[in-house]
Amino acid sequence: MATDLRPMLRLGLTLALPALLSACALAHLHPAEELSAVGRTCGVAEGEVTQDAEEPRILFLYALGPSRAQIACVARWSRKHHLHLAYIQAVNWQNQ
């Protein structure tokens, strides 16, 4: 019976090892030029696609009323680069 389990165990370890190693990959900051190119491609203004050094796994979209197509475009790029997208649709500053 133990010999019947060896091929299954070997297959399980073979499949699990790449998954474990990919989970250890660290996110990195993308250059500002690359993020600007993403913004231009997706039709958002310069500087609206950013990444924070403290949390490099999150891609931020700061845009005033982005369209669904723009959000989807940035979301596709972020998924392709293993990042999470967080977007803010509007910021309303009021003078005191």
Protein backbone atom coordinates (compact mmCIF):
# COMPACT_ATOMS: atom_id res chain seq x y z
CA MET A 1 0.00 0.00 0.00
CA ALA A 2 2.87 2.39 0.77
CA THR A 3 4.26 1.87 -2.72
CA ASP A 4 0.89 2.89 -4.22
CA LEU A 5 1.07 6.26 -2.48
CA ARG A 6 4.59 7.20 -3.63
CA PRO A 7 3.64 8.29 -7.18
CA MET A 8 0.74 10.35 -5.85
CA LEU A 9 2.95 11.92 -3.18
CA ARG A 10 5.62 12.70 -5.76
CA LEU A 11 3.03 14.30 -8.07
CA GLY A 12 1.57 16.33 -5.20
CA LEU A 13 4.98 17.65 -4.19
CA THR A 14 5.85 18.44 -7.79
CA LEU A 15 2.70 20.52 -8.16
CA ALA A 16 2.91 22.17 -4.74
CA LEU A 17 6.53 23.32 -4.92
CA PRO A 18 6.08 25.94 -7.69
CA ALA A 19 2.99 27.30 -5.94
CA LEU A 20 4.89 27.70 -2.68
CA LEU A 21 7.82 29.39 -4.39
CA SER A 22 5.61 31.82 -6.28
CA ALA A 23 3.92 32.85 -3.03
CA CYS A 24 7.31 33.97 -1.72
CA ALA A 25 7.88 36.40 -4.59
CA LEU A 26 8.13 39.99 -3.43
CA ALA A 27 6.31 42.83 -5.12
CA HIS A 28 8.48 45.61 -6.45
CA LEU A 29 7.92 49.25 -7.27
CA HIS A 30 7.38 49.95 -10.93
CA PRO A 31 9.17 53.01 -12.34
CA ALA A 32 7.15 56.20 -12.66
CA GLU A 33 7.64 56.11 -16.44
CA GLU A 34 6.00 52.69 -16.64
CA LEU A 35 3.04 53.82 -14.51
CA SER A 36 2.68 56.94 -16.67
CA ALA A 37 2.62 54.74 -19.77
CA VAL A 38 -0.15 52.65 -18.18
CA GLY A 39 -2.11 55.82 -17.47
CA ARG A 40 -1.72 57.06 -21.05
CA THR A 41 -2.72 53.67 -22.44
CA CYS A 42 -5.81 53.55 -20.24
CA GLY A 43 -6.79 57.17 -20.86
CA VAL A 44 -6.26 58.62 -17.39
CA ALA A 45 -4.29 61.77 -16.58
CA GLU A 46 -0.60 61.88 -15.78
CA GLY A 47 0.13 60.87 -12.18
CA GLU A 48 -3.24 59.25 -11.49
CA VAL A 49 -1.75 55.74 -11.47
CA THR A 50 0.69 55.44 -8.55
CA GLN A 51 2.32 52.93 -6.26
CA ASP A 52 3.31 53.48 -2.61
CA ALA A 53 6.75 52.38 -1.38
CA GLU A 54 5.27 51.19 1.93
CA GLU A 55 2.84 48.81 0.22
CA PRO A 56 4.19 47.89 -3.22
CA ARG A 57 1.52 45.19 -3.77
CA ILE A 58 -1.18 47.82 -4.25
CA LEU A 59 -1.62 49.96 -7.36
CA PHE A 60 -3.58 53.16 -6.73
CA LEU A 61 -5.79 54.91 -9.25
CA TYR A 62 -6.60 58.44 -8.07
CA ALA A 63 -9.03 59.74 -10.66
CA LEU A 64 -12.03 62.03 -10.69
CA GLY A 65 -14.88 59.97 -12.06
CA PRO A 66 -12.98 57.35 -14.08
CA SER A 67 -15.03 55.43 -16.62
CA ARG A 68 -15.58 51.70 -16.25
CA ALA A 69 -13.35 51.13 -19.27
CA GLN A 70 -10.50 53.09 -17.66
CA ILE A 71 -10.84 51.18 -14.39
CA ALA A 72 -10.97 47.86 -16.25
CA CYS A 73 -7.87 48.77 -18.26
CA VAL A 74 -5.83 49.63 -15.15
CA ALA A 75 -7.22 46.55 -13.37
CA ARG A 76 -6.07 44.28 -16.23
CA TRP A 77 -2.56 45.74 -16.04
CA SER A 78 -2.46 45.39 -12.26
CA ARG A 79 -3.60 41.74 -12.36
CA LYS A 80 -1.04 40.98 -15.06
CA HIS A 81 1.67 42.33 -12.73
CA HIS A 82 0.26 40.61 -9.62
CA LEU A 83 -0.89 43.82 -7.96
CA HIS A 84 -4.14 44.74 -6.26
CA LEU A 85 -5.97 47.79 -7.60
CA ALA A 86 -7.37 50.39 -5.24
CA TYR A 87 -9.08 53.40 -6.76
CA ILE A 88 -10.59 56.59 -5.43
CA GLN A 89 -13.28 58.05 -7.66
CA ALA A 90 -13.31 61.59 -6.25
CA VAL A 91 -11.89 63.74 -3.53
CA ASN A 92 -13.87 66.76 -2.44
CA TRP A 93 -11.76 69.33 -0.60
CA GLN A 94 -13.68 72.01 1.25
CA ASN A 95 -12.13 75.24 2.49
CA GLN A 96 -12.67 75.91 6.16
